[in-house]
Amino acid sequence: MFEILLNQNVCMYVMIVCGCIGLTGRAVMSSYLARLAKAAERMGTTRKKQLMEMRRRYEDITSLDVNIHDTAAFVDKYIDRLKIGFIPINVWNGFVKNMGVAAAGTGIFAAAYQYYVVGDGVETLKMLGCGLAACIVLVAAHNQWNCEWHMRTLRDSARNYLGNSLANRLKKEEEKQTTKQDTVEAMAACSETDKNDRIKRKAKPARKAQRSDKSDYDALLDGIMKKMLADG
């Protein structure tokens, strides 16, 4: 079986396919993270679903008067859940790295089989060279499209926006709302005081009238008593 596969250069095709898949996967992941990192620099107005969800969740938690002390942990939780399509970013990255392992493993296996079983030194070098070339291409793609750098930039931009810009804006809005509420309460207290003063001012003439009526009644009684005494 292995002889048939080697005679048809199937192992070489496997290494080439692994290299192409790894190269394409690395390019896709780098492009995806680069776009997110660029959008995170204007996170306040971005329309990226992942960043909007992170921003909205932060605003919701803050509106509940819950302080987020560790912004880095909050951001990491959402970035670690990023997906390319339906595949988590960590699974995608592991798959791309495993393509290099598959290419190297196939090359070493094919070269060992050619050398120890078939005894063909030329084919051995050919298989080793093909596996080495596939690994070099994947390493070069890893260096050229540095996904770790894009991921670090994305994290730093998100932490900076949430911990500084958004946090300060929400704090100012809360202070403004508190000041407005205090002003409304003060105005309500002033209105209540004015109302009480008006009630007191209206009550004073009534009290004076009561006192005047009482004085007239006393004078009338005195007059009657005097007349009765005078009549004897």
C-alpha atoms as a PDB file:
ATOM      1  CA  MET A   1       0.000   0.000   0.000  1.00  0.00           C
ATOM      2  CA  PHE A   2       2.709   2.475   0.996  1.00  0.00           C
ATOM      3  CA  GLU A   3       4.623   1.528  -2.148  1.00  0.00           C
ATOM      4  CA  ILE A   4       1.640   2.475  -4.293  1.00  0.00           C
ATOM      5  CA  LEU A   5       1.199   5.779  -2.457  1.00  0.00           C
ATOM      6  CA  LEU A   6       4.873   6.650  -2.821  1.00  0.00           C
ATOM      7  CA  ASN A   7       5.019   5.627  -6.463  1.00  0.00           C
ATOM      8  CA  GLN A   8       2.099   7.913  -7.192  1.00  0.00           C
ATOM      9  CA  ASN A   9       3.683  10.758  -5.170  1.00  0.00           C
ATOM     10  CA  VAL A  10       0.610  10.928  -2.939  1.00  0.00           C
ATOM     11  CA  CYS A  11       2.708  11.937   0.080  1.00  0.00           C
ATOM     12  CA  MET A  12       4.150  14.846  -1.864  1.00  0.00           C
ATOM     13  CA  TYR A  13       0.656  15.988  -2.810  1.00  0.00           C
ATOM     14  CA  VAL A  14      -0.414  15.700   0.831  1.00  0.00           C
ATOM     15  CA  MET A  15       2.454  17.963   1.898  1.00  0.00           C
ATOM     16  CA  ILE A  16       1.618  20.493  -0.806  1.00  0.00           C
ATOM     17  CA  VAL A  17      -2.064  20.496   0.167  1.00  0.00           C
ATOM     18  CA  CYS A  18      -1.193  20.915   3.851  1.00  0.00           C
ATOM     19  CA  GLY A  19       1.047  23.852   2.991  1.00  0.00           C
ATOM     20  CA  CYS A  20      -1.659  25.512   0.876  1.00  0.00           C
ATOM     21  CA  ILE A  21      -4.339  25.011   3.533  1.00  0.00           C
ATOM     22  CA  GLY A  22      -2.066  26.375   6.262  1.00  0.00           C
ATOM     23  CA  LEU A  23      -1.107  29.357   4.099  1.00  0.00           C
ATOM     24  CA  THR A  24      -4.744  30.174   3.266  1.00  0.00           C
ATOM     25  CA  GLY A  25      -5.890  29.709   6.866  1.00  0.00           C
ATOM     26  CA  ARG A  26      -3.137  31.981   8.159  1.00  0.00           C
ATOM     27  CA  ALA A  27      -4.042  34.684   5.627  1.00  0.00           C
ATOM     28  CA  VAL A  28      -7.766  34.520   6.492  1.00  0.00           C
ATOM     29  CA  MET A  29      -7.156  34.692  10.241  1.00  0.00           C
ATOM     30  CA  SER A  30      -4.690  37.566   9.912  1.00  0.00           C
ATOM     31  CA  SER A  31      -7.079  39.540   7.701  1.00  0.00           C
ATOM     32  CA  TYR A  32      -9.966  38.983  10.115  1.00  0.00           C
ATOM     33  CA  LEU A  33      -7.987  40.097  13.171  1.00  0.00           C
ATOM     34  CA  ALA A  34      -6.470  43.064  11.317  1.00  0.00           C
ATOM     35  CA  ARG A  35      -9.953  44.377  10.442  1.00  0.00           C
ATOM     36  CA  LEU A  36     -11.110  43.974  14.036  1.00  0.00           C
ATOM     37  CA  ALA A  37      -7.991  45.705  15.376  1.00  0.00           C
ATOM     38  CA  LYS A  38      -8.539  48.634  13.010  1.00  0.00           C
ATOM     39  CA  ALA A  39     -12.219  48.860  13.994  1.00  0.00           C
ATOM     40  CA  ALA A  40     -11.293  48.799  17.704  1.00  0.00           C
ATOM     41  CA  GLU A  41      -9.394  52.080  17.241  1.00  0.00           C
ATOM     42  CA  ARG A  42     -12.794  53.744  16.614  1.00  0.00           C
ATOM     43  CA  MET A  43     -14.769  51.467  18.879  1.00  0.00           C
ATOM     44  CA  GLY A  44     -17.257  54.175  19.787  1.00  0.00           C
ATOM     45  CA  THR A  45     -18.697  54.272  16.259  1.00  0.00           C
ATOM     46  CA  THR A  46     -17.780  50.854  14.853  1.00  0.00           C
ATOM     47  CA  ARG A  47     -20.436  48.553  13.412  1.00  0.00           C
ATOM     48  CA  LYS A  48     -18.514  45.328  14.029  1.00  0.00           C
ATOM     49  CA  LYS A  49     -20.870  42.959  15.814  1.00  0.00           C
ATOM     50  CA  GLN A  50     -18.243  41.575  18.213  1.00  0.00           C
ATOM     51  CA  LEU A  51     -17.076  45.020  19.335  1.00  0.00           C
ATOM     52  CA  MET A  52     -20.617  46.394  19.587  1.00  0.00           C
ATOM     53  CA  GLU A  53     -21.600  43.493  21.850  1.00  0.00           C
ATOM     54  CA  MET A  54     -18.588  44.138  24.082  1.00  0.00           C
ATOM     55  CA  ARG A  55     -19.378  47.862  24.304  1.00  0.00           C
ATOM     56  CA  ARG A  56     -23.091  47.295  24.956  1.00  0.00           C
ATOM     57  CA  ARG A  57     -22.383  44.748  27.679  1.00  0.00           C
ATOM     58  CA  TYR A  58     -19.986  47.163  29.402  1.00  0.00           C
ATOM     59  CA  GLU A  59     -22.606  49.949  29.317  1.00  0.00           C
ATOM     60  CA  ASP A  60     -25.300  47.605  30.692  1.00  0.00           C
ATOM     61  CA  ILE A  61     -23.132  46.515  33.624  1.00  0.00           C
ATOM     62  CA  THR A  62     -22.139  50.099  34.421  1.00  0.00           C
ATOM     63  CA  SER A  63     -25.777  51.253  34.316  1.00  0.00           C
ATOM     64  CA  LEU A  64     -26.502  48.768  37.131  1.00  0.00           C
ATOM     65  CA  ASP A  65     -24.014  50.631  39.387  1.00  0.00           C
ATOM     66  CA  VAL A  66     -21.570  47.710  39.215  1.00  0.00           C
ATOM     67  CA  ASN A  67     -17.939  48.784  38.984  1.00  0.00           C
ATOM     68  CA  ILE A  68     -15.699  46.784  36.619  1.00  0.00           C
ATOM     69  CA  HIS A  69     -12.362  46.802  38.394  1.00  0.00           C
ATOM     70  CA  ASP A  70     -10.477  44.534  35.941  1.00  0.00           C
ATOM     71  CA  THR A  71     -11.115  45.838  32.424  1.00  0.00           C
ATOM     72  CA  ALA A  72      -8.412  43.561  30.994  1.00  0.00           C
ATOM     73  CA  ALA A  73     -10.211  40.414  32.183  1.00  0.00           C
ATOM     74  CA  PHE A  74     -13.517  41.750  30.820  1.00  0.00           C
ATOM     75  CA  VAL A  75     -11.979  42.339  27.366  1.00  0.00           C
ATOM     76  CA  ASP A  76     -10.096  39.034  27.312  1.00  0.00           C
ATOM     77  CA  LYS A  77     -13.312  37.125  27.991  1.00  0.00           C
ATOM     78  CA  TYR A  78     -14.907  38.474  24.805  1.00  0.00           C
ATOM     79  CA  ILE A  79     -11.797  38.330  22.605  1.00  0.00           C
ATOM     80  CA  ASP A  80     -11.175  34.698  23.504  1.00  0.00           C
ATOM     81  CA  ARG A  81     -14.699  33.949  22.227  1.00  0.00           C
ATOM     82  CA  LEU A  82     -14.106  35.427  18.768  1.00  0.00           C
ATOM     83  CA  LYS A  83     -15.116  33.215  15.853  1.00  0.00           C
ATOM     84  CA  ILE A  84     -14.340  33.093  12.143  1.00  0.00           C
ATOM     85  CA  GLY A  85     -17.656  31.936  10.808  1.00  0.00           C
ATOM     86  CA  PHE A  86     -18.698  29.209  13.238  1.00  0.00           C
ATOM     87  CA  ILE A  87     -15.138  28.245  14.215  1.00  0.00           C
ATOM     88  CA  PRO A  88     -13.596  29.748  17.385  1.00  0.00           C
ATOM     89  CA  ILE A  89     -10.418  31.704  16.720  1.00  0.00           C
ATOM     90  CA  ASN A  90      -8.361  29.413  18.985  1.00  0.00           C
ATOM     91  CA  VAL A  91      -9.508  26.300  17.102  1.00  0.00           C
ATOM     92  CA  TRP A  92      -8.752  27.993  13.781  1.00  0.00           C
ATOM     93  CA  ASN A  93      -5.252  28.952  14.938  1.00  0.00           C
ATOM     94  CA  GLY A  94      -4.564  25.424  16.171  1.00  0.00           C
ATOM     95  CA  PHE A  95      -5.752  23.958  12.871  1.00  0.00           C
ATOM     96  CA  VAL A  96      -3.394  26.209  10.903  1.00  0.00           C
ATOM     97  CA  LYS A  97      -0.444  25.231  13.098  1.00  0.00           C
ATOM     98  CA  ASN A  98      -1.292  21.549  12.747  1.00  0.00           C
ATOM     99  CA  MET A  99      -1.000  21.845   8.958  1.00  0.00           C
ATOM    100  CA  GLY A 100       2.710  22.485   9.445  1.00  0.00           C
ATOM    101  CA  VAL A 101       2.963  19.480  11.743  1.00  0.00           C
ATOM    102  CA  ALA A 102       1.123  17.327   9.179  1.00  0.00           C
ATOM    103  CA  ALA A 103       3.391  18.460   6.332  1.00  0.00           C
ATOM    104  CA  ALA A 104       6.557  17.820   8.368  1.00  0.00           C
ATOM    105  CA  GLY A 105       5.302  14.460   9.626  1.00  0.00           C
ATOM    106  CA  THR A 106       4.339  13.310   6.133  1.00  0.00           C
ATOM    107  CA  GLY A 107       7.727  14.339   4.749  1.00  0.00           C
ATOM    108  CA  ILE A 108       9.658  12.547   7.511  1.00  0.00           C
ATOM    109  CA  PHE A 109       7.552   9.395   7.159  1.00  0.00           C
ATOM    110  CA  ALA A 110       7.910   9.294   3.365  1.00  0.00           C
ATOM    111  CA  ALA A 111      11.656   9.938   3.528  1.00  0.00           C
ATOM    112  CA  ALA A 112      12.187   7.213   6.171  1.00  0.00           C
ATOM    113  CA  TYR A 113      10.172   4.721   4.138  1.00  0.00           C
ATOM    114  CA  GLN A 114      12.119   5.487   0.965  1.00  0.00           C
ATOM    115  CA  TYR A 115      15.457   5.173   2.733  1.00  0.00           C
ATOM    116  CA  TYR A 116      14.927   2.104   4.926  1.00  0.00           C
ATOM    117  CA  VAL A 117      12.453   0.077   2.843  1.00  0.00           C
ATOM    118  CA  VAL A 118      12.944   1.082  -0.789  1.00  0.00           C
ATOM    119  CA  GLY A 119      16.565   2.190  -0.432  1.00  0.00           C
ATOM    120  CA  ASP A 120      16.186   5.098  -2.833  1.00  0.00           C
ATOM    121  CA  GLY A 121      18.356   7.986  -1.627  1.00  0.00           C
ATOM    122  CA  VAL A 122      17.159  10.402  -4.305  1.00  0.00           C
ATOM    123  CA  GLU A 123      13.509   9.926  -3.382  1.00  0.00           C
ATOM    124  CA  THR A 124      14.434  10.277   0.278  1.00  0.00           C
ATOM    125  CA  LEU A 125      15.995  13.685  -0.346  1.00  0.00           C
ATOM    126  CA  LYS A 126      13.038  14.613  -2.530  1.00  0.00           C
ATOM    127  CA  MET A 127      10.529  13.857   0.234  1.00  0.00           C
ATOM    128  CA  LEU A 128      12.613  15.620   2.869  1.00  0.00           C
ATOM    129  CA  GLY A 129      12.987  18.653   0.613  1.00  0.00           C
ATOM    130  CA  CYS A 130       9.267  18.818  -0.090  1.00  0.00           C
ATOM    131  CA  GLY A 131       8.374  18.568   3.604  1.00  0.00           C
ATOM    132  CA  LEU A 132      10.985  21.164   4.511  1.00  0.00           C
ATOM    133  CA  ALA A 133       9.709  23.527   1.818  1.00  0.00           C
ATOM    134  CA  ALA A 134       6.136  23.230   3.101  1.00  0.00           C
ATOM    135  CA  CYS A 135       7.257  23.988   6.658  1.00  0.00           C
ATOM    136  CA  ILE A 136       9.345  26.982   5.517  1.00  0.00           C
ATOM    137  CA  VAL A 137       6.366  28.408   3.638  1.00  0.00           C
ATOM    138  CA  LEU A 138       4.159  28.067   6.712  1.00  0.00           C
ATOM    139  CA  VAL A 139       6.764  29.651   8.998  1.00  0.00           C
ATOM    140  CA  ALA A 140       7.214  32.521   6.539  1.00  0.00           C
ATOM    141  CA  ALA A 141       3.429  33.025   6.422  1.00  0.00           C
ATOM    142  CA  HIS A 142       3.347  33.034  10.237  1.00  0.00           C
ATOM    143  CA  ASN A 143       6.022  35.736  10.327  1.00  0.00           C
ATOM    144  CA  GLN A 144       4.467  37.779   7.536  1.00  0.00           C
ATOM    145  CA  TRP A 145       0.899  37.645   8.880  1.00  0.00           C
ATOM    146  CA  ASN A 146       1.555  37.970  12.570  1.00  0.00           C
ATOM    147  CA  CYS A 147      -1.815  37.161  14.138  1.00  0.00           C
ATOM    148  CA  GLU A 148      -0.439  37.554  17.672  1.00  0.00           C
ATOM    149  CA  TRP A 149       0.413  41.193  16.949  1.00  0.00           C
ATOM    150  CA  HIS A 150      -3.095  41.876  15.607  1.00  0.00           C
ATOM    151  CA  MET A 151      -4.614  40.157  18.649  1.00  0.00           C
ATOM    152  CA  ARG A 152      -2.479  42.240  21.024  1.00  0.00           C
ATOM    153  CA  THR A 153      -3.422  45.456  19.198  1.00  0.00           C
ATOM    154  CA  LEU A 154      -7.097  44.493  19.382  1.00  0.00           C
ATOM    155  CA  ARG A 155      -6.885  43.845  23.122  1.00  0.00           C
ATOM    156  CA  ASP A 156      -5.022  47.094  23.832  1.00  0.00           C
ATOM    157  CA  SER A 157      -7.442  49.211  21.786  1.00  0.00           C
ATOM    158  CA  ALA A 158     -10.508  47.656  23.430  1.00  0.00           C
ATOM    159  CA  ARG A 159      -9.053  48.047  26.935  1.00  0.00           C
ATOM    160  CA  ASN A 160      -8.106  51.665  26.261  1.00  0.00           C
ATOM    161  CA  TYR A 161     -11.571  52.570  24.984  1.00  0.00           C
ATOM    162  CA  LEU A 162     -13.549  50.787  27.705  1.00  0.00           C
ATOM    163  CA  GLY A 163     -11.272  51.730  30.598  1.00  0.00           C
ATOM    164  CA  ASN A 164     -10.720  55.375  29.617  1.00  0.00           C
ATOM    165  CA  SER A 165     -13.017  56.901  26.993  1.00  0.00           C
ATOM    166  CA  LEU A 166     -16.245  55.010  27.685  1.00  0.00           C
ATOM    167  CA  ALA A 167     -15.757  54.864  31.463  1.00  0.00           C
ATOM    168  CA  ASN A 168     -15.184  58.642  31.673  1.00  0.00           C
ATOM    169  CA  ARG A 169     -18.171  59.372  29.430  1.00  0.00           C
ATOM    170  CA  LEU A 170     -20.478  57.183  31.497  1.00  0.00           C
ATOM    171  CA  LYS A 171     -19.171  58.773  34.696  1.00  0.00           C
ATOM    172  CA  LYS A 172     -19.869  62.276  33.386  1.00  0.00           C
ATOM    173  CA  GLU A 173     -23.361  61.265  32.298  1.00  0.00           C
ATOM    174  CA  GLU A 174     -24.021  59.812  35.736  1.00  0.00           C
ATOM    175  CA  GLU A 175     -22.779  62.999  37.433  1.00  0.00           C
ATOM    176  CA  LYS A 176     -24.919  65.100  35.114  1.00  0.00           C
ATOM    177  CA  GLN A 177     -27.956  62.948  35.892  1.00  0.00           C
ATOM    178  CA  THR A 178     -27.263  63.223  39.634  1.00  0.00           C
ATOM    179  CA  THR A 179     -26.898  67.016  39.402  1.00  0.00           C
ATOM    180  CA  LYS A 180     -30.136  67.260  37.442  1.00  0.00           C
ATOM    181  CA  GLN A 181     -31.954  65.136  40.010  1.00  0.00           C
ATOM    182  CA  ASP A 182     -30.593  67.256  42.884  1.00  0.00           C
ATOM    183  CA  THR A 183     -31.748  70.418  41.093  1.00  0.00           C
ATOM    184  CA  VAL A 184     -35.239  69.000  40.604  1.00  0.00           C
ATOM    185  CA  GLU A 185     -35.436  68.002  44.274  1.00  0.00           C
ATOM    186  CA  ALA A 186     -34.234  71.467  45.353  1.00  0.00           C
ATOM    187  CA  MET A 187     -36.820  73.151  43.136  1.00  0.00           C
ATOM    188  CA  ALA A 188     -39.534  70.885  44.556  1.00  0.00           C
ATOM    189  CA  ALA A 189     -38.447  71.776  48.099  1.00  0.00           C
ATOM    190  CA  CYS A 190     -38.538  75.503  47.270  1.00  0.00           C
ATOM    191  CA  SER A 191     -42.011  75.142  45.765  1.00  0.00           C
ATOM    192  CA  GLU A 192     -43.219  73.347  48.882  1.00  0.00           C
ATOM    193  CA  THR A 193     -41.760  76.089  51.101  1.00  0.00           C
ATOM    194  CA  ASP A 194     -43.430  78.833  49.046  1.00  0.00           C
ATOM    195  CA  LYS A 195     -46.735  76.969  49.235  1.00  0.00           C
ATOM    196  CA  ASN A 196     -46.492  76.718  53.017  1.00  0.00           C
ATOM    197  CA  ASP A 197     -45.644  80.428  53.269  1.00  0.00           C
ATOM    198  CA  ARG A 198     -48.690  81.337  51.193  1.00  0.00           C
ATOM    199  CA  ILE A 199     -50.889  79.169  53.393  1.00  0.00           C
ATOM    200  CA  LYS A 200     -49.522  80.861  56.512  1.00  0.00           C
ATOM    201  CA  ARG A 201     -50.071  84.318  55.050  1.00  0.00           C
ATOM    202  CA  LYS A 202     -53.683  83.441  54.218  1.00  0.00           C
ATOM    203  CA  ALA A 203     -54.260  82.071  57.718  1.00  0.00           C
ATOM    204  CA  LYS A 204     -53.132  85.284  59.490  1.00  0.00           C
ATOM    205  CA  PRO A 205     -56.141  87.516  58.490  1.00  0.00           C
ATOM    206  CA  ALA A 206     -58.506  84.779  59.596  1.00  0.00           C
ATOM    207  CA  ARG A 207     -56.862  84.690  62.995  1.00  0.00           C
ATOM    208  CA  LYS A 208     -57.080  88.489  63.233  1.00  0.00           C
ATOM    209  CA  ALA A 209     -60.770  88.302  62.343  1.00  0.00           C
ATOM    210  CA  GLN A 210     -61.314  85.717  65.074  1.00  0.00           C
ATOM    211  CA  ARG A 211     -59.559  87.925  67.599  1.00  0.00           C
ATOM    212  CA  SER A 212     -61.644  90.944  66.482  1.00  0.00           C
ATOM    213  CA  ASP A 213     -64.897  88.969  66.799  1.00  0.00           C
ATOM    214  CA  LYS A 214     -63.913  87.829  70.275  1.00  0.00           C
ATOM    215  CA  SER A 215     -63.115  91.416  71.355  1.00  0.00           C
ATOM    216  CA  ASP A 216     -66.483  92.690  70.061  1.00  0.00           C
ATOM    217  CA  TYR A 217     -68.278  89.890  71.909  1.00  0.00           C
ATOM    218  CA  ASP A 218     -66.482  90.770  75.171  1.00  0.00           C
ATOM    219  CA  ALA A 219     -67.334  94.466  74.762  1.00  0.00           C
ATOM    220  CA  LEU A 220     -71.002  93.602  74.163  1.00  0.00           C
ATOM    221  CA  LEU A 221     -71.110  91.504  77.354  1.00  0.00           C
ATOM    222  CA  ASP A 222     -69.513  94.316  79.344  1.00  0.00           C
ATOM    223  CA  GLY A 223     -72.117  96.771  78.041  1.00  0.00           C
ATOM    224  CA  ILE A 224     -74.999  94.459  78.993  1.00  0.00           C
ATOM    225  CA  MET A 225     -73.599  93.914  82.472  1.00  0.00           C
ATOM    226  CA  LYS A 226     -73.152  97.647  83.030  1.00  0.00           C
ATOM    227  CA  LYS A 227     -76.758  98.321  81.924  1.00  0.00           C
ATOM    228  CA  MET A 228     -78.105  95.639  84.236  1.00  0.00           C
ATOM    229  CA  LEU A 229     -76.174  97.103  87.164  1.00  0.00           C
ATOM    230  CA  ALA A 230     -77.387 100.613  86.341  1.00  0.00           C
ATOM    231  CA  ASP A 231     -81.010  99.494  86.228  1.00  0.00           C
ATOM    232  CA  GLY A 232     -80.528  98.078  89.644  1.00  0.00           C
END
